[in-house]
Amino acid sequence: MKVLLLKDPKDKDSGPDPYIKEFGAYGFEATLIPVLSFEFISLEGLFEKLSYPESYGGLVFTSPRALEAIKLCLRENSKNEAWSKSLKQRWNIKPAYVVGKATASLVEEIGLIPQGEKSGNAEKLAEYICSREKLNSSALLFPCGALKREVLPTILKEKGIALESLTVYQTTQHSDLQESLSSYFSQQ
């Protein structure tokens, strides 16, 4: 039997997609078709904010895509050099709050130390942040997507913790979705 999964394949570097593997173990032939893609925006503005760590109390990441945006910022040699020579160390004295292990590992890849990775969701991360941050301290920088939920910003605001959101990516339909679906169904 065939199964169509409308999702991105797992990162190629981490081996076969676990869904393909699991369905295969039960005799199913699974096909993955990505439906979403991400358009990165405001990268210059993001690097500008990253260039002034003294203006912020720390960083908040609730999505691996926010870290992809930072990595894209740092692709340019001069920016990567600035990050490596001083910015990374200046950010490392501040907390880098994260939701989940995947986001935590990406934070480590850019040289920062993640905190709160076991929180699991934005609400619990907000509670974790509230237990660690002082009222009226510098705002936390929150690179996020255009479709972010308001749970974390709302809880932090209610508790008097400043958060500065910056939209760094938008979710869009994958450019090959129609073609992939047509191709899949014409072959079945």
N, C-alpha and C. Protein backbone atom coordinates (compact mmCIF):
# COMPACT_ATOMS: atom_id res chain seq x y z
N MET A 1 0.85 -1.18 0.00
CA MET A 1 0.00 0.00 0.00
C MET A 1 0.89 1.24 0.00
N LYS A 2 0.40 2.28 -0.64
CA LYS A 2 1.15 3.52 -0.76
C LYS A 2 0.58 4.57 0.20
N VAL A 3 1.49 5.41 0.72
CA VAL A 3 1.12 6.48 1.64
C VAL A 3 1.77 7.76 1.14
N LEU A 4 0.99 8.84 1.09
CA LEU A 4 1.50 10.14 0.69
C LEU A 4 1.58 11.01 1.94
N LEU A 5 2.78 11.50 2.24
CA LEU A 5 2.99 12.38 3.39
C LEU A 5 3.30 13.78 2.88
N LEU A 6 2.49 14.73 3.28
CA LEU A 6 2.69 16.11 2.85
C LEU A 6 3.55 16.82 3.90
N LYS A 7 4.86 16.62 3.77
CA LYS A 7 5.82 17.21 4.70
C LYS A 7 7.20 17.21 4.07
N ASP A 8 8.08 18.03 4.64
CA ASP A 8 9.47 18.06 4.19
C ASP A 8 10.18 16.79 4.63
N PRO A 9 11.08 16.28 3.81
CA PRO A 9 11.91 15.17 4.28
C PRO A 9 12.79 15.65 5.42
N LYS A 10 13.13 14.74 6.31
CA LYS A 10 14.06 15.05 7.41
C LYS A 10 15.38 15.50 6.81
N ASP A 11 16.13 16.26 7.55
CA ASP A 11 17.44 16.75 7.11
C ASP A 11 18.25 15.60 6.53
N LYS A 12 18.75 15.79 5.31
CA LYS A 12 19.48 14.73 4.60
C LYS A 12 20.71 14.24 5.36
N ASP A 13 21.33 15.10 6.15
CA ASP A 13 22.54 14.73 6.89
C ASP A 13 22.26 13.74 8.02
N SER A 14 21.00 13.65 8.44
CA SER A 14 20.69 12.79 9.58
C SER A 14 20.17 11.41 9.15
N GLY A 15 20.41 11.03 7.91
CA GLY A 15 20.00 9.70 7.43
C GLY A 15 18.60 9.71 6.85
N PRO A 16 18.05 8.49 6.65
CA PRO A 16 16.72 8.40 6.03
C PRO A 16 15.63 9.02 6.91
N ASP A 17 14.62 9.54 6.26
CA ASP A 17 13.52 10.15 6.99
C ASP A 17 12.86 9.10 7.88
N PRO A 18 12.61 9.42 9.16
CA PRO A 18 12.04 8.43 10.07
C PRO A 18 10.64 7.95 9.67
N TYR A 19 9.86 8.80 9.02
CA TYR A 19 8.52 8.39 8.58
C TYR A 19 8.62 7.35 7.47
N ILE A 20 9.51 7.59 6.51
CA ILE A 20 9.72 6.63 5.41
C ILE A 20 10.16 5.28 5.99
N LYS A 21 11.09 5.35 6.92
CA LYS A 21 11.64 4.15 7.56
C LYS A 21 10.55 3.38 8.32
N GLU A 22 9.77 4.11 9.11
CA GLU A 22 8.72 3.47 9.93
C GLU A 22 7.62 2.86 9.06
N PHE A 23 7.15 3.61 8.07
CA PHE A 23 6.12 3.05 7.18
C PHE A 23 6.67 1.83 6.43
N GLY A 24 7.94 1.91 5.99
CA GLY A 24 8.56 0.80 5.29
C GLY A 24 8.62 -0.46 6.14
N ALA A 25 8.84 -0.29 7.44
CA ALA A 25 8.92 -1.44 8.36
C ALA A 25 7.59 -2.19 8.41
N TYR A 26 6.50 -1.52 8.09
CA TYR A 26 5.19 -2.15 8.10
C TYR A 26 4.68 -2.47 6.69
N GLY A 27 5.57 -2.38 5.71
CA GLY A 27 5.23 -2.76 4.34
C GLY A 27 4.57 -1.68 3.51
N PHE A 28 4.59 -0.45 3.99
CA PHE A 28 4.00 0.65 3.23
C PHE A 28 5.08 1.35 2.42
N GLU A 29 4.71 1.83 1.24
CA GLU A 29 5.61 2.63 0.41
C GLU A 29 5.21 4.09 0.58
N ALA A 30 6.02 4.83 1.32
CA ALA A 30 5.69 6.23 1.62
C ALA A 30 6.45 7.18 0.71
N THR A 31 5.76 8.25 0.31
CA THR A 31 6.36 9.31 -0.51
C THR A 31 6.15 10.62 0.23
N LEU A 32 7.20 11.42 0.28
CA LEU A 32 7.11 12.74 0.91
C LEU A 32 7.03 13.82 -0.16
N ILE A 33 6.11 14.74 0.02
CA ILE A 33 6.02 15.91 -0.85
C ILE A 33 5.99 17.15 0.05
N PRO A 34 7.01 18.01 -0.07
CA PRO A 34 7.02 19.23 0.75
C PRO A 34 5.93 20.19 0.31
N VAL A 35 5.24 20.79 1.29
CA VAL A 35 4.17 21.72 0.97
C VAL A 35 4.51 23.17 1.35
N LEU A 36 5.48 23.34 2.23
CA LEU A 36 5.83 24.68 2.67
C LEU A 36 7.27 25.02 2.33
N SER A 37 7.53 26.28 2.16
CA SER A 37 8.91 26.75 2.06
C SER A 37 8.99 28.05 2.84
N PHE A 38 10.19 28.51 3.06
CA PHE A 38 10.39 29.67 3.90
C PHE A 38 11.20 30.72 3.16
N GLU A 39 10.70 31.94 3.20
CA GLU A 39 11.36 33.07 2.57
C GLU A 39 11.95 33.94 3.69
N PHE A 40 13.25 34.13 3.65
CA PHE A 40 13.92 34.89 4.70
C PHE A 40 13.93 36.36 4.36
N ILE A 41 13.58 37.18 5.34
CA ILE A 41 13.44 38.62 5.15
C ILE A 41 14.15 39.36 6.29
N SER A 42 14.35 40.63 6.13
CA SER A 42 14.91 41.50 7.17
C SER A 42 16.27 41.04 7.68
N LEU A 43 17.06 40.39 6.82
CA LEU A 43 18.35 39.86 7.28
C LEU A 43 19.34 40.97 7.62
N GLU A 44 19.31 42.07 6.88
CA GLU A 44 20.19 43.20 7.22
C GLU A 44 19.80 43.77 8.58
N GLY A 45 18.51 43.92 8.80
CA GLY A 45 18.02 44.43 10.09
C GLY A 45 18.38 43.49 11.23
N LEU A 46 18.32 42.19 10.96
CA LEU A 46 18.69 41.20 11.98
C LEU A 46 20.16 41.35 12.34
N PHE A 47 21.02 41.43 11.32
CA PHE A 47 22.44 41.56 11.64
C PHE A 47 22.72 42.87 12.37
N GLU A 48 22.01 43.92 12.00
CA GLU A 48 22.18 45.21 12.68
C GLU A 48 21.88 45.06 14.18
N LYS A 49 20.81 44.35 14.51
CA LYS A 49 20.45 44.14 15.92
C LYS A 49 21.47 43.22 16.60
N LEU A 50 21.92 42.19 15.89
CA LEU A 50 22.93 41.28 16.46
C LEU A 50 24.25 42.01 16.71
N SER A 51 24.47 43.10 16.01
CA SER A 51 25.71 43.86 16.15
C SER A 51 25.77 44.69 17.44
N TYR A 52 24.65 44.78 18.15
CA TYR A 52 24.58 45.57 19.39
C TYR A 52 24.04 44.73 20.55
N PRO A 53 24.80 43.71 20.98
CA PRO A 53 24.31 42.86 22.07
C PRO A 53 24.06 43.63 23.37
N GLU A 54 24.78 44.74 23.56
CA GLU A 54 24.59 45.52 24.79
C GLU A 54 23.20 46.15 24.87
N SER A 55 22.47 46.20 23.76
CA SER A 55 21.12 46.76 23.74
C SER A 55 20.06 45.76 24.20
N TYR A 56 20.45 44.50 24.39
CA TYR A 56 19.48 43.44 24.68
C TYR A 56 19.87 42.64 25.91
N GLY A 57 18.86 42.03 26.52
CA GLY A 57 19.10 41.19 27.69
C GLY A 57 19.38 39.74 27.31
N GLY A 58 19.13 39.39 26.07
CA GLY A 58 19.35 38.02 25.60
C GLY A 58 18.57 37.77 24.32
N LEU A 59 18.54 36.50 23.93
CA LEU A 59 17.87 36.08 22.70
C LEU A 59 16.81 35.04 23.01
N VAL A 60 15.78 34.99 22.18
CA VAL A 60 14.72 33.97 22.31
C VAL A 60 14.51 33.35 20.94
N PHE A 61 14.57 32.01 20.89
CA PHE A 61 14.35 31.28 19.64
C PHE A 61 13.29 30.21 19.86
N THR A 62 12.21 30.29 19.09
CA THR A 62 11.17 29.27 19.17
C THR A 62 11.07 28.46 17.88
N SER A 63 12.00 28.70 16.95
CA SER A 63 11.94 28.03 15.65
C SER A 63 13.33 27.84 15.08
N PRO A 64 13.59 26.66 14.50
CA PRO A 64 14.87 26.47 13.82
C PRO A 64 15.08 27.46 12.67
N ARG A 65 13.99 27.92 12.05
CA ARG A 65 14.11 28.87 10.95
C ARG A 65 14.72 30.20 11.38
N ALA A 66 14.48 30.62 12.59
CA ALA A 66 15.08 31.86 13.08
C ALA A 66 16.61 31.72 13.10
N LEU A 67 17.08 30.54 13.42
CA LEU A 67 18.52 30.30 13.42
C LEU A 67 19.05 30.17 12.00
N GLU A 68 18.24 29.63 11.10
CA GLU A 68 18.63 29.61 9.69
C GLU A 68 18.83 31.04 9.20
N ALA A 69 17.97 31.96 9.66
CA ALA A 69 18.09 33.36 9.26
C ALA A 69 19.42 33.93 9.76
N ILE A 70 19.81 33.60 10.99
CA ILE A 70 21.09 34.08 11.51
C ILE A 70 22.24 33.50 10.70
N LYS A 71 22.15 32.22 10.39
CA LYS A 71 23.21 31.60 9.58
C LYS A 71 23.32 32.27 8.21
N LEU A 72 22.17 32.62 7.62
CA LEU A 72 22.19 33.33 6.34
C LEU A 72 22.86 34.69 6.49
N CYS A 73 22.59 35.38 7.58
CA CYS A 73 23.24 36.67 7.85
C CYS A 73 24.75 36.52 7.89
N LEU A 74 25.19 35.43 8.49
CA LEU A 74 26.62 35.25 8.73
C LEU A 74 27.38 34.66 7.55
N ARG A 75 26.70 34.39 6.44
CA ARG A 75 27.37 33.85 5.26
C ARG A 75 28.36 34.84 4.66
N GLU A 76 28.03 36.10 4.76
CA GLU A 76 28.92 37.14 4.23
C GLU A 76 30.17 37.18 5.11
N ASN A 77 31.34 37.11 4.48
CA ASN A 77 32.61 36.99 5.21
C ASN A 77 32.80 38.04 6.30
N SER A 78 32.53 39.30 5.98
CA SER A 78 32.77 40.36 6.97
C SER A 78 31.86 40.20 8.19
N LYS A 79 30.64 39.76 7.96
CA LYS A 79 29.71 39.56 9.08
C LYS A 79 30.11 38.34 9.90
N ASN A 80 30.52 37.29 9.21
CA ASN A 80 30.96 36.08 9.91
C ASN A 80 32.19 36.39 10.76
N GLU A 81 33.08 37.19 10.22
CA GLU A 81 34.29 37.57 10.94
C GLU A 81 33.92 38.39 12.19
N ALA A 82 33.00 39.34 12.04
CA ALA A 82 32.57 40.15 13.18
C ALA A 82 31.93 39.27 14.25
N TRP A 83 31.13 38.29 13.81
CA TRP A 83 30.48 37.37 14.75
C TRP A 83 31.55 36.56 15.50
N SER A 84 32.49 35.98 14.75
CA SER A 84 33.52 35.13 15.35
C SER A 84 34.46 35.89 16.27
N LYS A 85 34.83 37.12 15.87
CA LYS A 85 35.83 37.87 16.64
C LYS A 85 35.29 38.49 17.92
N SER A 86 34.03 38.96 17.91
CA SER A 86 33.56 39.60 19.15
C SER A 86 32.09 39.42 19.47
N LEU A 87 31.23 39.43 18.45
CA LEU A 87 29.79 39.40 18.74
C LEU A 87 29.36 38.13 19.47
N LYS A 88 29.88 36.99 19.03
CA LYS A 88 29.50 35.72 19.65
C LYS A 88 29.83 35.74 21.15
N GLN A 89 31.03 36.20 21.50
CA GLN A 89 31.42 36.24 22.90
C GLN A 89 30.55 37.21 23.70
N ARG A 90 30.20 38.34 23.08
CA ARG A 90 29.37 39.34 23.77
C ARG A 90 27.94 38.83 23.96
N TRP A 91 27.44 38.02 23.03
CA TRP A 91 26.11 37.43 23.20
C TRP A 91 26.16 36.27 24.19
N ASN A 92 27.29 35.61 24.29
CA ASN A 92 27.38 34.44 25.16
C ASN A 92 27.30 34.76 26.64
N ILE A 93 27.43 36.02 27.02
CA ILE A 93 27.26 36.36 28.44
C ILE A 93 25.78 36.62 28.75
N LYS A 94 24.95 36.49 27.72
CA LYS A 94 23.50 36.68 27.86
C LYS A 94 22.80 35.36 27.56
N PRO A 95 21.60 35.17 28.09
CA PRO A 95 20.89 33.91 27.81
C PRO A 95 20.40 33.82 26.37
N ALA A 96 20.42 32.59 25.85
CA ALA A 96 19.81 32.27 24.54
C ALA A 96 18.73 31.24 24.83
N TYR A 97 17.50 31.71 25.02
CA TYR A 97 16.38 30.84 25.38
C TYR A 97 15.86 30.12 24.14
N VAL A 98 15.56 28.83 24.28
CA VAL A 98 15.10 28.03 23.14
C VAL A 98 13.96 27.10 23.54
N VAL A 99 13.18 26.72 22.53
CA VAL A 99 12.17 25.67 22.69
C VAL A 99 12.70 24.45 21.96
N GLY A 100 12.94 23.36 22.66
CA GLY A 100 13.25 22.09 22.03
C GLY A 100 14.70 21.85 21.67
N LYS A 101 14.99 20.56 21.46
CA LYS A 101 16.36 20.12 21.20
C LYS A 101 16.87 20.53 19.83
N ALA A 102 16.01 20.49 18.81
CA ALA A 102 16.45 20.86 17.45
C ALA A 102 16.93 22.31 17.42
N THR A 103 16.16 23.19 18.03
CA THR A 103 16.53 24.60 18.08
C THR A 103 17.78 24.78 18.94
N ALA A 104 17.87 24.05 20.03
CA ALA A 104 19.05 24.14 20.91
C ALA A 104 20.32 23.74 20.16
N SER A 105 20.25 22.69 19.35
CA SER A 105 21.46 22.25 18.64
C SER A 105 21.88 23.30 17.59
N LEU A 106 20.93 23.99 17.00
CA LEU A 106 21.26 25.05 16.05
C LEU A 106 21.86 26.27 16.75
N VAL A 107 21.41 26.54 17.96
CA VAL A 107 21.99 27.63 18.76
C VAL A 107 23.46 27.29 19.06
N GLU A 108 23.71 26.03 19.39
CA GLU A 108 25.09 25.60 19.66
C GLU A 108 25.96 25.72 18.40
N GLU A 109 25.37 25.44 17.23
CA GLU A 109 26.13 25.55 15.97
C GLU A 109 26.63 26.96 15.70
N ILE A 110 25.89 27.98 16.16
CA ILE A 110 26.36 29.35 15.95
C ILE A 110 27.24 29.81 17.12
N GLY A 111 27.50 28.90 18.06
CA GLY A 111 28.45 29.19 19.14
C GLY A 111 27.86 29.73 20.41
N LEU A 112 26.53 29.64 20.57
CA LEU A 112 25.89 30.12 21.80
C LEU A 112 25.46 28.94 22.66
N ILE A 113 25.14 29.24 23.91
CA ILE A 113 24.75 28.20 24.86
C ILE A 113 23.23 28.30 25.10
N PRO A 114 22.48 27.28 24.67
CA PRO A 114 21.02 27.34 24.82
C PRO A 114 20.56 27.12 26.26
N GLN A 115 19.44 27.73 26.60
CA GLN A 115 18.80 27.55 27.90
C GLN A 115 17.32 27.30 27.69
N GLY A 116 16.74 26.43 28.48
CA GLY A 116 15.30 26.19 28.44
C GLY A 116 14.85 25.18 27.41
N GLU A 117 15.78 24.43 26.83
CA GLU A 117 15.42 23.52 25.74
C GLU A 117 14.41 22.45 26.14
N LYS A 118 14.33 22.15 27.43
CA LYS A 118 13.38 21.11 27.87
C LYS A 118 11.97 21.66 28.08
N SER A 119 11.79 22.94 27.85
CA SER A 119 10.47 23.54 28.06
C SER A 119 9.43 22.94 27.11
N GLY A 120 9.80 22.68 25.86
CA GLY A 120 8.91 21.97 24.94
C GLY A 120 7.89 22.79 24.18
N ASN A 121 7.44 23.91 24.74
CA ASN A 121 6.50 24.77 24.01
C ASN A 121 6.68 26.21 24.46
N ALA A 122 6.07 27.13 23.73
CA ALA A 122 6.26 28.56 23.98
C ALA A 122 5.74 28.97 25.35
N GLU A 123 4.63 28.39 25.79
CA GLU A 123 4.07 28.76 27.10
C GLU A 123 5.03 28.39 28.23
N LYS A 124 5.57 27.18 28.18
CA LYS A 124 6.50 26.75 29.22
C LYS A 124 7.82 27.51 29.13
N LEU A 125 8.25 27.83 27.91
CA LEU A 125 9.46 28.63 27.77
C LEU A 125 9.24 30.01 28.38
N ALA A 126 8.08 30.60 28.16
CA ALA A 126 7.77 31.91 28.74
C ALA A 126 7.84 31.85 30.26
N GLU A 127 7.30 30.77 30.85
CA GLU A 127 7.37 30.60 32.30
C GLU A 127 8.82 30.49 32.75
N TYR A 128 9.62 29.74 32.00
CA TYR A 128 11.04 29.58 32.32
C TYR A 128 11.75 30.93 32.27
N ILE A 129 11.48 31.69 31.21
CA ILE A 129 12.09 33.02 31.07
C ILE A 129 11.68 33.91 32.24
N CYS A 130 10.40 33.90 32.59
CA CYS A 130 9.90 34.73 33.69
C CYS A 130 10.57 34.38 35.02
N SER A 131 10.93 33.12 35.19
CA SER A 131 11.57 32.70 36.44
C SER A 131 13.03 33.16 36.51
N ARG A 132 13.59 33.57 35.38
CA ARG A 132 15.01 33.92 35.32
C ARG A 132 15.29 35.40 35.06
N GLU A 133 14.36 36.10 34.44
CA GLU A 133 14.58 37.50 34.06
C GLU A 133 14.04 38.45 35.14
N LYS A 134 14.71 39.57 35.27
CA LYS A 134 14.29 40.61 36.20
C LYS A 134 13.35 41.58 35.47
N LEU A 135 12.41 42.13 36.22
CA LEU A 135 11.52 43.13 35.65
C LEU A 135 12.32 44.35 35.20
N ASN A 136 11.86 44.99 34.16
CA ASN A 136 12.46 46.22 33.64
C ASN A 136 13.91 46.07 33.18
N SER A 137 14.32 44.85 32.86
CA SER A 137 15.67 44.68 32.31
C SER A 137 15.59 44.93 30.80
N SER A 138 16.73 44.89 30.14
CA SER A 138 16.75 45.13 28.69
C SER A 138 15.87 44.12 27.97
N ALA A 139 15.33 44.54 26.85
CA ALA A 139 14.45 43.67 26.06
C ALA A 139 15.21 42.45 25.55
N LEU A 140 14.50 41.36 25.41
CA LEU A 140 15.03 40.15 24.78
C LEU A 140 14.75 40.27 23.29
N LEU A 141 15.73 39.91 22.47
CA LEU A 141 15.55 39.93 21.02
C LEU A 141 14.95 38.61 20.57
N PHE A 142 13.86 38.69 19.81
CA PHE A 142 13.08 37.51 19.41
C PHE A 142 12.95 37.45 17.89
N PRO A 143 13.95 36.88 17.17
CA PRO A 143 13.78 36.68 15.74
C PRO A 143 12.72 35.58 15.53
N CYS A 144 11.73 35.86 14.68
CA CYS A 144 10.61 34.93 14.56
C CYS A 144 10.01 34.96 13.15
N GLY A 145 9.01 34.12 12.94
CA GLY A 145 8.32 34.05 11.67
C GLY A 145 7.08 34.94 11.66
N ALA A 146 6.58 35.21 10.47
CA ALA A 146 5.40 36.05 10.32
C ALA A 146 4.16 35.40 10.94
N LEU A 147 4.16 34.08 11.05
CA LEU A 147 2.99 33.37 11.59
C LEU A 147 3.16 32.95 13.05
N LYS A 148 4.06 33.62 13.78
CA LYS A 148 4.30 33.22 15.16
C LYS A 148 3.02 33.33 15.97
N ARG A 149 2.91 32.46 16.96
CA ARG A 149 1.79 32.55 17.89
C ARG A 149 2.12 33.64 18.91
N GLU A 150 1.12 34.17 19.53
CA GLU A 150 1.32 35.29 20.46
C GLU A 150 1.45 34.84 21.91
N VAL A 151 1.51 33.54 22.16
CA VAL A 151 1.56 33.01 23.53
C VAL A 151 2.75 33.58 24.29
N LEU A 152 3.95 33.40 23.78
CA LEU A 152 5.15 33.84 24.47
C LEU A 152 5.18 35.36 24.66
N PRO A 153 4.98 36.15 23.59
CA PRO A 153 4.98 37.61 23.78
C PRO A 153 3.94 38.09 24.79
N THR A 154 2.77 37.48 24.79
CA THR A 154 1.70 37.89 25.70
C THR A 154 2.07 37.61 27.15
N ILE A 155 2.57 36.41 27.42
CA ILE A 155 2.94 36.05 28.80
C ILE A 155 4.06 36.95 29.30
N LEU A 156 5.09 37.17 28.46
CA LEU A 156 6.19 38.01 28.90
C LEU A 156 5.72 39.45 29.16
N LYS A 157 4.86 39.95 28.30
CA LYS A 157 4.34 41.32 28.48
C LYS A 157 3.57 41.43 29.79
N GLU A 158 2.72 40.42 30.06
CA GLU A 158 1.93 40.42 31.30
C GLU A 158 2.83 40.41 32.54
N LYS A 159 4.00 39.80 32.42
CA LYS A 159 4.92 39.69 33.57
C LYS A 159 5.94 40.84 33.59
N GLY A 160 5.81 41.78 32.65
CA GLY A 160 6.69 42.95 32.65
C GLY A 160 8.06 42.71 32.06
N ILE A 161 8.19 41.69 31.24
CA ILE A 161 9.48 41.39 30.60
C ILE A 161 9.41 41.85 29.15
N ALA A 162 10.32 42.75 28.80
CA ALA A 162 10.30 43.34 27.46
C ALA A 162 10.83 42.34 26.42
N LEU A 163 10.16 42.32 25.28
CA LEU A 163 10.53 41.44 24.17
C LEU A 163 10.46 42.25 22.89
N GLU A 164 11.51 42.21 22.11
CA GLU A 164 11.51 42.90 20.82
C GLU A 164 11.48 41.85 19.72
N SER A 165 10.34 41.74 19.06
CA SER A 165 10.17 40.77 17.97
C SER A 165 10.68 41.35 16.67
N LEU A 166 11.31 40.49 15.86
CA LEU A 166 11.74 40.88 14.52
C LEU A 166 11.39 39.72 13.59
N THR A 167 10.51 39.98 12.63
CA THR A 167 10.11 38.95 11.68
C THR A 167 11.25 38.73 10.69
N VAL A 168 11.78 37.48 10.68
CA VAL A 168 12.93 37.17 9.82
C VAL A 168 12.60 36.13 8.75
N TYR A 169 11.39 35.56 8.79
CA TYR A 169 11.00 34.65 7.72
C TYR A 169 9.48 34.60 7.58
N GLN A 170 9.06 34.24 6.36
CA GLN A 170 7.65 34.07 6.03
C GLN A 170 7.45 32.65 5.52
N THR A 171 6.31 32.08 5.85
CA THR A 171 5.97 30.75 5.37
C THR A 171 5.16 30.90 4.09
N THR A 172 5.57 30.17 3.05
CA THR A 172 4.88 30.24 1.77
C THR A 172 4.64 28.82 1.25
N GLN A 173 3.82 28.71 0.22
CA GLN A 173 3.60 27.42 -0.43
C GLN A 173 4.87 27.03 -1.16
N HIS A 174 5.24 25.75 -1.06
CA HIS A 174 6.43 25.26 -1.76
C HIS A 174 6.23 25.46 -3.26
N SER A 175 7.26 25.97 -3.92
CA SER A 175 7.16 26.31 -5.35
C SER A 175 6.84 25.11 -6.24
N ASP A 176 7.21 23.91 -5.83
CA ASP A 176 6.98 22.71 -6.64
C ASP A 176 5.76 21.90 -6.21
N LEU A 177 4.93 22.43 -5.31
CA LEU A 177 3.82 21.65 -4.76
C LEU A 177 2.87 21.13 -5.84
N GLN A 178 2.37 22.01 -6.69
CA GLN A 178 1.41 21.59 -7.72
C GLN A 178 2.02 20.53 -8.63
N GLU A 179 3.23 20.79 -9.09
CA GLU A 179 3.92 19.88 -9.99
C GLU A 179 4.17 18.52 -9.32
N SER A 180 4.59 18.54 -8.07
CA SER A 180 4.86 17.30 -7.34
C SER A 180 3.60 16.47 -7.14
N LEU A 181 2.50 17.14 -6.78
CA LEU A 181 1.24 16.43 -6.59
C LEU A 181 0.74 15.84 -7.92
N SER A 182 0.78 16.64 -8.99
CA SER A 182 0.35 16.14 -10.31
C SER A 182 1.19 14.95 -10.73
N SER A 183 2.48 15.04 -10.55
CA SER A 183 3.38 13.96 -10.92
C SER A 183 3.09 12.70 -10.10
N TYR A 184 2.90 12.86 -8.81
CA TYR A 184 2.62 11.72 -7.93
C TYR A 184 1.34 10.99 -8.37
N PHE A 185 0.27 11.77 -8.57
CA PHE A 185 -1.02 11.13 -8.90
C PHE A 185 -1.04 10.58 -10.32
N SER A 186 -0.29 11.17 -11.23
CA SER A 186 -0.27 10.64 -12.60
C SER A 186 0.50 9.31 -12.64
N GLN A 187 1.42 9.10 -11.70
CA GLN A 187 2.18 7.84 -11.67
C GLN A 187 1.46 6.73 -10.93
N GLN A 188 0.42 7.06 -10.19
CA GLN A 188 -0.29 6.03 -9.39
C GLN A 188 -1.35 5.32 -10.20
